[in-house]
Amino acid sequence: EGNIDLDDSIKSFEEGVMLVKECQKIISEAELKVNKLLD
C-alpha cells in the first residue's frame, strides 16, 4: 500500500523476514519427516 512511514516499513520488513525464516524452518522439518518416512 505504501501508506506507512519509513520506520514502520523497516519494522514490518524485519518482522516479515523473521516470519519467512520461521515458515522455512517448519517446511524443512516437515520435509525431513516425510523423507524419514519414505526412507
PDB file of all heavy atoms in Angstrom:
ATOM      1  N   GLU A   1       0.830  -1.205   0.000  1.00  0.00           N
ATOM      2  CA  GLU A   1       0.000   0.000   0.000  1.00  0.00           C
ATOM      3  C   GLU A   1       0.864   1.254   0.000  1.00  0.00           C
ATOM      4  O   GLU A   1       0.511   2.254  -0.611  1.00  0.00           O
ATOM      5  CB  GLU A   1      -0.926   0.020   1.217  1.00  0.00           C
ATOM      6  CG  GLU A   1      -2.066  -0.951   1.140  1.00  0.00           C
ATOM      7  CD  GLU A   1      -2.893  -0.974   2.422  1.00  0.00           C
ATOM      8  OE1 GLU A   1      -2.661  -0.128   3.308  1.00  0.00           O
ATOM      9  OE2 GLU A   1      -3.765  -1.839   2.513  1.00  0.00           O
ATOM     10  N   GLY A   2       1.976   1.187   0.723  1.00  0.00           N
ATOM     11  CA  GLY A   2       2.902   2.312   0.761  1.00  0.00           C
ATOM     12  C   GLY A   2       2.448   3.477   1.606  1.00  0.00           C
ATOM     13  O   GLY A   2       2.988   4.573   1.495  1.00  0.00           O
ATOM     14  N   ASN A   3       1.474   3.264   2.463  1.00  0.00           N
ATOM     15  CA  ASN A   3       0.939   4.350   3.287  1.00  0.00           C
ATOM     16  C   ASN A   3       1.536   4.387   4.694  1.00  0.00           C
ATOM     17  O   ASN A   3       0.922   4.947   5.597  1.00  0.00           O
ATOM     18  CB  ASN A   3      -0.591   4.231   3.401  1.00  0.00           C
ATOM     19  CG  ASN A   3      -1.277   4.387   2.067  1.00  0.00           C
ATOM     20  OD1 ASN A   3      -0.782   5.092   1.191  1.00  0.00           O
ATOM     21  ND2 ASN A   3      -2.403   3.722   1.898  1.00  0.00           N
ATOM     22  N   ILE A   4       2.708   3.815   4.876  1.00  0.00           N
ATOM     23  CA  ILE A   4       3.334   3.823   6.193  1.00  0.00           C
ATOM     24  C   ILE A   4       4.696   4.499   6.088  1.00  0.00           C
ATOM     25  O   ILE A   4       5.315   4.520   5.020  1.00  0.00           O
ATOM     26  CB  ILE A   4       3.459   2.397   6.786  1.00  0.00           C
ATOM     27  CG1 ILE A   4       4.275   1.470   5.887  1.00  0.00           C
ATOM     28  CG2 ILE A   4       2.091   1.788   7.030  1.00  0.00           C
ATOM     29  CD1 ILE A   4       4.521   0.097   6.486  1.00  0.00           C
ATOM     30  N   ASP A   5       5.127   5.044   7.197  1.00  0.00           N
ATOM     31  CA  ASP A   5       6.402   5.766   7.180  1.00  0.00           C
ATOM     32  C   ASP A   5       7.582   4.793   7.139  1.00  0.00           C
ATOM     33  O   ASP A   5       7.419   3.583   7.271  1.00  0.00           O
ATOM     34  CB  ASP A   5       6.521   6.738   8.352  1.00  0.00           C
ATOM     35  CG  ASP A   5       6.496   6.058   9.714  1.00  0.00           C
ATOM     36  OD1 ASP A   5       7.006   4.928   9.828  1.00  0.00           O
ATOM     37  OD2 ASP A   5       5.984   6.668  10.673  1.00  0.00           O
ATOM     38  N   LEU A   6       8.754   5.328   6.945  1.00  0.00           N
ATOM     39  CA  LEU A   6       9.957   4.512   6.772  1.00  0.00           C
ATOM     40  C   LEU A   6      10.243   3.627   7.981  1.00  0.00           C
ATOM     41  O   LEU A   6      10.551   2.439   7.832  1.00  0.00           O
ATOM     42  CB  LEU A   6      11.165   5.414   6.478  1.00  0.00           C
ATOM     43  CG  LEU A   6      12.490   4.699   6.229  1.00  0.00           C
ATOM     44  CD1 LEU A   6      12.376   3.758   5.036  1.00  0.00           C
ATOM     45  CD2 LEU A   6      13.599   5.714   6.023  1.00  0.00           C
ATOM     46  N   ASP A   7      10.138   4.188   9.190  1.00  0.00           N
ATOM     47  CA  ASP A   7      10.409   3.388  10.392  1.00  0.00           C
ATOM     48  C   ASP A   7       9.467   2.201  10.504  1.00  0.00           C
ATOM     49  O   ASP A   7       9.894   1.081  10.803  1.00  0.00           O
ATOM     50  CB  ASP A   7      10.319   4.249  11.657  1.00  0.00           C
ATOM     51  CG  ASP A   7      11.500   5.183  11.821  1.00  0.00           C
ATOM     52  OD1 ASP A   7      12.573   4.891  11.256  1.00  0.00           O
ATOM     53  OD2 ASP A   7      11.341   6.199  12.523  1.00  0.00           O
ATOM     54  N   ASP A   8       8.183   2.436  10.263  1.00  0.00           N
ATOM     55  CA  ASP A   8       7.214   1.343  10.326  1.00  0.00           C
ATOM     56  C   ASP A   8       7.454   0.330   9.204  1.00  0.00           C
ATOM     57  O   ASP A   8       7.259  -0.869   9.385  1.00  0.00           O
ATOM     58  CB  ASP A   8       5.783   1.873  10.264  1.00  0.00           C
ATOM     59  CG  ASP A   8       5.350   2.550  11.548  1.00  0.00           C
ATOM     60  OD1 ASP A   8       5.966   2.280  12.606  1.00  0.00           O
ATOM     61  OD2 ASP A   8       4.401   3.358  11.503  1.00  0.00           O
ATOM     62  N   SER A   9       7.872   0.831   8.037  1.00  0.00           N
ATOM     63  CA  SER A   9       8.184  -0.069   6.923  1.00  0.00           C
ATOM     64  C   SER A   9       9.329  -0.999   7.291  1.00  0.00           C
ATOM     65  O   SER A   9       9.278  -2.198   7.025  1.00  0.00           O
ATOM     66  CB  SER A   9       8.566   0.726   5.674  1.00  0.00           C
ATOM     67  OG  SER A   9       7.476   1.430   5.178  1.00  0.00           O
ATOM     68  N   ILE A  10      10.355  -0.438   7.897  1.00  0.00           N
ATOM     69  CA  ILE A  10      11.514  -1.246   8.288  1.00  0.00           C
ATOM     70  C   ILE A  10      11.133  -2.263   9.352  1.00  0.00           C
ATOM     71  O   ILE A  10      11.511  -3.436   9.269  1.00  0.00           O
ATOM     72  CB  ILE A  10      12.669  -0.343   8.762  1.00  0.00           C
ATOM     73  CG1 ILE A  10      13.220   0.447   7.577  1.00  0.00           C
ATOM     74  CG2 ILE A  10      13.779  -1.158   9.414  1.00  0.00           C
ATOM     75  CD1 ILE A  10      14.188   1.544   7.946  1.00  0.00           C
ATOM     76  N   LYS A  11      10.351  -1.834  10.338  1.00  0.00           N
ATOM     77  CA  LYS A  11       9.905  -2.766  11.387  1.00  0.00           C
ATOM     78  C   LYS A  11       9.071  -3.891  10.791  1.00  0.00           C
ATOM     79  O   LYS A  11       9.228  -5.062  11.147  1.00  0.00           O
ATOM     80  CB  LYS A  11       9.107  -2.024  12.457  1.00  0.00           C
ATOM     81  CG  LYS A  11       9.961  -1.154  13.346  1.00  0.00           C
ATOM     82  CD  LYS A  11       9.107  -0.402  14.345  1.00  0.00           C
ATOM     83  CE  LYS A  11       9.948   0.580  15.151  1.00  0.00           C
ATOM     84  NZ  LYS A  11       9.123   1.423  16.031  1.00  0.00           N
ATOM     85  N   SER A  12       8.176  -3.531   9.877  1.00  0.00           N
ATOM     86  CA  SER A  12       7.333  -4.542   9.236  1.00  0.00           C
ATOM     87  C   SER A  12       8.166  -5.497   8.398  1.00  0.00           C
ATOM     88  O   SER A  12       7.936  -6.718   8.398  1.00  0.00           O
ATOM     89  CB  SER A  12       6.281  -3.868   8.355  1.00  0.00           C
ATOM     90  OG  SER A  12       5.376  -3.133   9.130  1.00  0.00           O
ATOM     91  N   PHE A  13       9.144  -4.950   7.684  1.00  0.00           N
ATOM     92  CA  PHE A  13      10.023  -5.791   6.877  1.00  0.00           C
ATOM     93  C   PHE A  13      10.799  -6.762   7.757  1.00  0.00           C
ATOM     94  O   PHE A  13      10.910  -7.955   7.436  1.00  0.00           O
ATOM     95  CB  PHE A  13      10.984  -4.914   6.061  1.00  0.00           C
ATOM     96  CG  PHE A  13      11.872  -5.706   5.156  1.00  0.00           C
ATOM     97  CD1 PHE A  13      11.400  -6.203   3.949  1.00  0.00           C
ATOM     98  CD2 PHE A  13      13.186  -5.960   5.511  1.00  0.00           C
ATOM     99  CE1 PHE A  13      12.220  -6.939   3.115  1.00  0.00           C
ATOM    100  CE2 PHE A  13      14.011  -6.699   4.680  1.00  0.00           C
ATOM    101  CZ  PHE A  13      13.531  -7.191   3.475  1.00  0.00           C
ATOM    102  N   GLU A  14      11.331  -6.275   8.865  1.00  0.00           N
ATOM    103  CA  GLU A  14      12.066  -7.144   9.794  1.00  0.00           C
ATOM    104  C   GLU A  14      11.171  -8.256  10.321  1.00  0.00           C
ATOM    105  O   GLU A  14      11.591  -9.422  10.394  1.00  0.00           O
ATOM    106  CB  GLU A  14      12.615  -6.330  10.967  1.00  0.00           C
ATOM    107  CG  GLU A  14      13.771  -5.433  10.606  1.00  0.00           C
ATOM    108  CD  GLU A  14      14.223  -4.534  11.750  1.00  0.00           C
ATOM    109  OE1 GLU A  14      13.418  -4.230  12.657  1.00  0.00           O
ATOM    110  OE2 GLU A  14      15.389  -4.133  11.732  1.00  0.00           O
ATOM    111  N   GLU A  15       9.947  -7.911  10.684  1.00  0.00           N
ATOM    112  CA  GLU A  15       9.011  -8.925  11.163  1.00  0.00           C
ATOM    113  C   GLU A  15       8.720  -9.945  10.063  1.00  0.00           C
ATOM    114  O   GLU A  15       8.663 -11.149  10.304  1.00  0.00           O
ATOM    115  CB  GLU A  15       7.709  -8.275  11.635  1.00  0.00           C
ATOM    116  CG  GLU A  15       6.719  -9.265  12.198  1.00  0.00           C
ATOM    117  CD  GLU A  15       5.404  -8.622  12.654  1.00  0.00           C
ATOM    118  OE1 GLU A  15       5.258  -7.394  12.551  1.00  0.00           O
ATOM    119  OE2 GLU A  15       4.536  -9.387  13.113  1.00  0.00           O
ATOM    120  N   GLY A  16       8.570  -9.451   8.835  1.00  0.00           N
ATOM    121  CA  GLY A  16       8.322 -10.337   7.705  1.00  0.00           C
ATOM    122  C   GLY A  16       9.465 -11.306   7.477  1.00  0.00           C
ATOM    123  O   GLY A  16       9.244 -12.493   7.211  1.00  0.00           O
ATOM    124  N   VAL A  17      10.692 -10.820   7.577  1.00  0.00           N
ATOM    125  CA  VAL A  17      11.863 -11.686   7.406  1.00  0.00           C
ATOM    126  C   VAL A  17      11.869 -12.777   8.469  1.00  0.00           C
ATOM    127  O   VAL A  17      12.131 -13.950   8.181  1.00  0.00           O
ATOM    128  CB  VAL A  17      13.166 -10.856   7.447  1.00  0.00           C
ATOM    129  CG1 VAL A  17      14.383 -11.751   7.564  1.00  0.00           C
ATOM    130  CG2 VAL A  17      13.266  -9.964   6.216  1.00  0.00           C
ATOM    131  N   MET A  18      11.556 -12.411   9.703  1.00  0.00           N
ATOM    132  CA  MET A  18      11.509 -13.411  10.784  1.00  0.00           C
ATOM    133  C   MET A  18      10.418 -14.444  10.513  1.00  0.00           C
ATOM    134  O   MET A  18      10.618 -15.640  10.742  1.00  0.00           O
ATOM    135  CB  MET A  18      11.284 -12.725  12.133  1.00  0.00           C
ATOM    136  CG  MET A  18      12.489 -11.960  12.593  1.00  0.00           C
ATOM    137  SD  MET A  18      12.408 -11.113  14.210  1.00  0.00           S
ATOM    138  CE  MET A  18      10.887 -11.571  14.943  1.00  0.00           C
ATOM    139  N   LEU A  19       9.273 -13.997  10.018  1.00  0.00           N
ATOM    140  CA  LEU A  19       8.184 -14.924   9.722  1.00  0.00           C
ATOM    141  C   LEU A  19       8.554 -15.869   8.578  1.00  0.00           C
ATOM    142  O   LEU A  19       8.236 -17.059   8.621  1.00  0.00           O
ATOM    143  CB  LEU A  19       6.905 -14.147   9.382  1.00  0.00           C
ATOM    144  CG  LEU A  19       6.247 -13.428  10.550  1.00  0.00           C
ATOM    145  CD1 LEU A  19       5.181 -12.460  10.050  1.00  0.00           C
ATOM    146  CD2 LEU A  19       5.633 -14.430  11.520  1.00  0.00           C
ATOM    147  N   VAL A  20       9.234 -15.350   7.559  1.00  0.00           N
ATOM    148  CA  VAL A  20       9.670 -16.197   6.448  1.00  0.00           C
ATOM    149  C   VAL A  20      10.617 -17.272   6.961  1.00  0.00           C
ATOM    150  O   VAL A  20      10.496 -18.449   6.604  1.00  0.00           O
ATOM    151  CB  VAL A  20      10.342 -15.352   5.337  1.00  0.00           C
ATOM    152  CG1 VAL A  20      11.096 -16.235   4.356  1.00  0.00           C
ATOM    153  CG2 VAL A  20       9.305 -14.513   4.616  1.00  0.00           C
ATOM    154  N   LYS A  21      11.565 -16.882   7.811  1.00  0.00           N
ATOM    155  CA  LYS A  21      12.509 -17.855   8.365  1.00  0.00           C
ATOM    156  C   LYS A  21      11.782 -18.920   9.186  1.00  0.00           C
ATOM    157  O   LYS A  21      12.110 -20.105   9.127  1.00  0.00           O
ATOM    158  CB  LYS A  21      13.561 -17.151   9.219  1.00  0.00           C
ATOM    159  CG  LYS A  21      14.556 -16.366   8.398  1.00  0.00           C
ATOM    160  CD  LYS A  21      15.578 -15.674   9.274  1.00  0.00           C
ATOM    161  CE  LYS A  21      16.568 -14.882   8.433  1.00  0.00           C
ATOM    162  NZ  LYS A  21      17.602 -14.228   9.231  1.00  0.00           N
ATOM    163  N   GLU A  22      10.782 -18.490   9.955  1.00  0.00           N
ATOM    164  CA  GLU A  22      10.001 -19.438  10.759  1.00  0.00           C
ATOM    165  C   GLU A  22       9.255 -20.419   9.857  1.00  0.00           C
ATOM    166  O   GLU A  22       9.252 -21.628  10.101  1.00  0.00           O
ATOM    167  CB  GLU A  22       9.001 -18.660  11.632  1.00  0.00           C
ATOM    168  CG  GLU A  22       8.204 -19.513  12.572  1.00  0.00           C
ATOM    169  CD  GLU A  22       7.273 -18.679  13.445  1.00  0.00           C
ATOM    170  OE1 GLU A  22       7.656 -17.572  13.859  1.00  0.00           O
ATOM    171  OE2 GLU A  22       6.153 -19.149  13.700  1.00  0.00           O
ATOM    172  N   CYS A  23       8.651 -19.907   8.786  1.00  0.00           N
ATOM    173  CA  CYS A  23       7.933 -20.775   7.847  1.00  0.00           C
ATOM    174  C   CYS A  23       8.888 -21.737   7.157  1.00  0.00           C
ATOM    175  O   CYS A  23       8.573 -22.923   6.989  1.00  0.00           O
ATOM    176  CB  CYS A  23       7.183 -19.939   6.810  1.00  0.00           C
ATOM    177  SG  CYS A  23       5.738 -19.070   7.458  1.00  0.00           S
ATOM    178  N   GLN A  24      10.061 -21.250   6.757  1.00  0.00           N
ATOM    179  CA  GLN A  24      11.046 -22.113   6.116  1.00  0.00           C
ATOM    180  C   GLN A  24      11.494 -23.228   7.052  1.00  0.00           C
ATOM    181  O   GLN A  24      11.678 -24.367   6.630  1.00  0.00           O
ATOM    182  CB  GLN A  24      12.256 -21.298   5.665  1.00  0.00           C
ATOM    183  CG  GLN A  24      11.975 -20.425   4.465  1.00  0.00           C
ATOM    184  CD  GLN A  24      13.143 -19.522   4.102  1.00  0.00           C
ATOM    185  OE1 GLN A  24      13.909 -19.110   4.960  1.00  0.00           O
ATOM    186  NE2 GLN A  24      13.266 -19.203   2.829  1.00  0.00           N
ATOM    187  N   LYS A  25      11.647 -22.911   8.328  1.00  0.00           N
ATOM    188  CA  LYS A  25      12.048 -23.920   9.312  1.00  0.00           C
ATOM    189  C   LYS A  25      10.971 -25.003   9.444  1.00  0.00           C
ATOM    190  O   LYS A  25      11.279 -26.191   9.469  1.00  0.00           O
ATOM    191  CB  LYS A  25      12.299 -23.254  10.667  1.00  0.00           C
ATOM    192  CG  LYS A  25      12.732 -24.216  11.737  1.00  0.00           C
ATOM    193  CD  LYS A  25      12.946 -23.518  13.055  1.00  0.00           C
ATOM    194  CE  LYS A  25      13.242 -24.540  14.141  1.00  0.00           C
ATOM    195  NZ  LYS A  25      13.148 -23.977  15.473  1.00  0.00           N
ATOM    196  N   ILE A  26       9.723 -24.584   9.505  1.00  0.00           N
ATOM    197  CA  ILE A  26       8.620 -25.542   9.627  1.00  0.00           C
ATOM    198  C   ILE A  26       8.551 -26.438   8.401  1.00  0.00           C
ATOM    199  O   ILE A  26       8.372 -27.658   8.506  1.00  0.00           O
ATOM    200  CB  ILE A  26       7.278 -24.809   9.867  1.00  0.00           C
ATOM    201  CG1 ILE A  26       7.292 -24.125  11.239  1.00  0.00           C
ATOM    202  CG2 ILE A  26       6.097 -25.774   9.748  1.00  0.00           C
ATOM    203  CD1 ILE A  26       6.150 -23.152  11.470  1.00  0.00           C
ATOM    204  N   ILE A  27       8.728 -25.843   7.219  1.00  0.00           N
ATOM    205  CA  ILE A  27       8.703 -26.623   5.977  1.00  0.00           C
ATOM    206  C   ILE A  27       9.866 -27.603   5.942  1.00  0.00           C
ATOM    207  O   ILE A  27       9.698 -28.771   5.571  1.00  0.00           O
ATOM    208  CB  ILE A  27       8.721 -25.688   4.747  1.00  0.00           C
ATOM    209  CG1 ILE A  27       7.378 -24.962   4.639  1.00  0.00           C
ATOM    210  CG2 ILE A  27       9.014 -26.468   3.471  1.00  0.00           C
ATOM    211  CD1 ILE A  27       7.357 -23.859   3.609  1.00  0.00           C
ATOM    212  N   SER A  28      11.044 -27.165   6.342  1.00  0.00           N
ATOM    213  CA  SER A  28      12.216 -28.051   6.364  1.00  0.00           C
ATOM    214  C   SER A  28      12.001 -29.223   7.304  1.00  0.00           C
ATOM    215  O   SER A  28      12.350 -30.371   6.981  1.00  0.00           O
ATOM    216  CB  SER A  28      13.466 -27.279   6.792  1.00  0.00           C
ATOM    217  OG  SER A  28      13.821 -26.328   5.826  1.00  0.00           O
ATOM    218  N   GLU A  29      11.430 -28.959   8.472  1.00  0.00           N
ATOM    219  CA  GLU A  29      11.148 -30.033   9.427  1.00  0.00           C
ATOM    220  C   GLU A  29      10.144 -31.026   8.857  1.00  0.00           C
ATOM    221  O   GLU A  29      10.291 -32.236   9.031  1.00  0.00           O
ATOM    222  CB  GLU A  29      10.643 -29.447  10.749  1.00  0.00           C
ATOM    223  CG  GLU A  29      11.714 -28.711  11.529  1.00  0.00           C
ATOM    224  CD  GLU A  29      11.181 -27.945  12.736  1.00  0.00           C
ATOM    225  OE1 GLU A  29       9.943 -27.884  12.936  1.00  0.00           O
ATOM    226  OE2 GLU A  29      12.013 -27.388  13.473  1.00  0.00           O
ATOM    227  N   ALA A  30       9.140 -30.510   8.160  1.00  0.00           N
ATOM    228  CA  ALA A  30       8.147 -31.389   7.549  1.00  0.00           C
ATOM    229  C   ALA A  30       8.783 -32.241   6.453  1.00  0.00           C
ATOM    230  O   ALA A  30       8.495 -33.442   6.344  1.00  0.00           O
ATOM    231  CB  ALA A  30       6.995 -30.564   6.984  1.00  0.00           C
ATOM    232  N   GLU A  31       9.656 -31.629   5.648  1.00  0.00           N
ATOM    233  CA  GLU A  31      10.349 -32.389   4.603  1.00  0.00           C
ATOM    234  C   GLU A  31      11.209 -33.496   5.199  1.00  0.00           C
ATOM    235  O   GLU A  31      11.249 -34.609   4.671  1.00  0.00           O
ATOM    236  CB  GLU A  31      11.227 -31.458   3.759  1.00  0.00           C
ATOM    237  CG  GLU A  31      10.434 -30.572   2.826  1.00  0.00           C
ATOM    238  CD  GLU A  31      11.311 -29.577   2.073  1.00  0.00           C
ATOM    239  OE1 GLU A  31      12.453 -29.284   2.512  1.00  0.00           O
ATOM    240  OE2 GLU A  31      10.845 -29.078   1.036  1.00  0.00           O
ATOM    241  N   LEU A  32      11.901 -33.209   6.291  1.00  0.00           N
ATOM    242  CA  LEU A  32      12.715 -34.228   6.953  1.00  0.00           C
ATOM    243  C   LEU A  32      11.858 -35.399   7.425  1.00  0.00           C
ATOM    244  O   LEU A  32      12.242 -36.562   7.267  1.00  0.00           O
ATOM    245  CB  LEU A  32      13.473 -33.632   8.134  1.00  0.00           C
ATOM    246  CG  LEU A  32      14.679 -32.764   7.802  1.00  0.00           C
ATOM    247  CD1 LEU A  32      15.218 -32.101   9.080  1.00  0.00           C
ATOM    248  CD2 LEU A  32      15.766 -33.597   7.148  1.00  0.00           C
ATOM    249  N   LYS A  33      10.704 -35.081   8.005  1.00  0.00           N
ATOM    250  CA  LYS A  33       9.808 -36.147   8.478  1.00  0.00           C
ATOM    251  C   LYS A  33       9.342 -37.016   7.324  1.00  0.00           C
ATOM    252  O   LYS A  33       9.319 -38.250   7.423  1.00  0.00           O
ATOM    253  CB  LYS A  33       8.599 -35.542   9.198  1.00  0.00           C
ATOM    254  CG  LYS A  33       8.921 -34.990  10.557  1.00  0.00           C
ATOM    255  CD  LYS A  33       7.678 -34.404  11.211  1.00  0.00           C
ATOM    256  CE  LYS A  33       8.029 -33.762  12.541  1.00  0.00           C
ATOM    257  NZ  LYS A  33       6.851 -33.163  13.195  1.00  0.00           N
ATOM    258  N   VAL A  34       8.958 -36.370   6.213  1.00  0.00           N
ATOM    259  CA  VAL A  34       8.490 -37.124   5.051  1.00  0.00           C
ATOM    260  C   VAL A  34       9.614 -37.999   4.507  1.00  0.00           C
ATOM    261  O   VAL A  34       9.405 -39.183   4.207  1.00  0.00           O
ATOM    262  CB  VAL A  34       7.950 -36.172   3.955  1.00  0.00           C
ATOM    263  CG1 VAL A  34       7.720 -36.913   2.639  1.00  0.00           C
ATOM    264  CG2 VAL A  34       6.662 -35.507   4.424  1.00  0.00           C
ATOM    265  N   ASN A  35      10.808 -37.424   4.397  1.00  0.00           N
ATOM    266  CA  ASN A  35      11.953 -38.202   3.896  1.00  0.00           C
ATOM    267  C   ASN A  35      12.281 -39.384   4.805  1.00  0.00           C
ATOM    268  O   ASN A  35      12.595 -40.475   4.317  1.00  0.00           O
ATOM    269  CB  ASN A  35      13.179 -37.311   3.709  1.00  0.00           C
ATOM    270  CG  ASN A  35      13.048 -36.408   2.505  1.00  0.00           C
ATOM    271  OD1 ASN A  35      12.348 -36.728   1.552  1.00  0.00           O
ATOM    272  ND2 ASN A  35      13.704 -35.266   2.552  1.00  0.00           N
ATOM    273  N   LYS A  36      12.188 -39.185   6.112  1.00  0.00           N
ATOM    274  CA  LYS A  36      12.438 -40.296   7.049  1.00  0.00           C
ATOM    275  C   LYS A  36      11.404 -41.397   6.859  1.00  0.00           C
ATOM    276  O   LYS A  36      11.733 -42.582   6.892  1.00  0.00           O
ATOM    277  CB  LYS A  36      12.415 -39.796   8.491  1.00  0.00           C
ATOM    278  CG  LYS A  36      13.670 -39.070   8.896  1.00  0.00           C
ATOM    279  CD  LYS A  36      13.606 -38.635  10.350  1.00  0.00           C
ATOM    280  CE  LYS A  36      14.835 -37.847  10.742  1.00  0.00           C
ATOM    281  NZ  LYS A  36      14.784 -37.384  12.138  1.00  0.00           N
ATOM    282  N   LEU A  37      10.154 -41.000   6.681  1.00  0.00           N
ATOM    283  CA  LEU A  37       9.099 -41.993   6.469  1.00  0.00           C
ATOM    284  C   LEU A  37       9.330 -42.745   5.168  1.00  0.00           C
ATOM    285  O   LEU A  37       9.158 -43.968   5.107  1.00  0.00           O
ATOM    286  CB  LEU A  37       7.725 -41.326   6.463  1.00  0.00           C
ATOM    287  CG  LEU A  37       7.227 -40.822   7.807  1.00  0.00           C
ATOM    288  CD1 LEU A  37       5.973 -39.973   7.633  1.00  0.00           C
ATOM    289  CD2 LEU A  37       6.938 -41.992   8.737  1.00  0.00           C
ATOM    290  N   LEU A  38       9.707 -42.020   4.124  1.00  0.00           N
ATOM    291  CA  LEU A  38       9.966 -42.679   2.843  1.00  0.00           C
ATOM    292  C   LEU A  38      11.161 -43.612   2.937  1.00  0.00           C
ATOM    293  O   LEU A  38      11.133 -44.723   2.401  1.00  0.00           O
ATOM    294  CB  LEU A  38      10.199 -41.633   1.751  1.00  0.00           C
ATOM    295  CG  LEU A  38       8.980 -40.819   1.321  1.00  0.00           C
ATOM    296  CD1 LEU A  38       9.393 -39.702   0.377  1.00  0.00           C
ATOM    297  CD2 LEU A  38       7.928 -41.709   0.689  1.00  0.00           C
ATOM    298  N   ASP A  39      12.208 -43.183   3.606  1.00  0.00           N
ATOM    299  CA  ASP A  39      13.420 -43.996   3.747  1.00  0.00           C
ATOM    300  C   ASP A  39      13.168 -45.246   4.576  1.00  0.00           C
ATOM    301  O   ASP A  39      13.770 -46.291   4.346  1.00  0.00           O
ATOM    302  CB  ASP A  39      14.560 -43.187   4.368  1.00  0.00           C
ATOM    303  CG  ASP A  39      15.107 -42.131   3.422  1.00  0.00           C
ATOM    304  OD1 ASP A  39      14.840 -42.214   2.200  1.00  0.00           O
ATOM    305  OD2 ASP A  39      15.798 -41.217   3.908  1.00  0.00           O
TER     306      ASP A  39
END
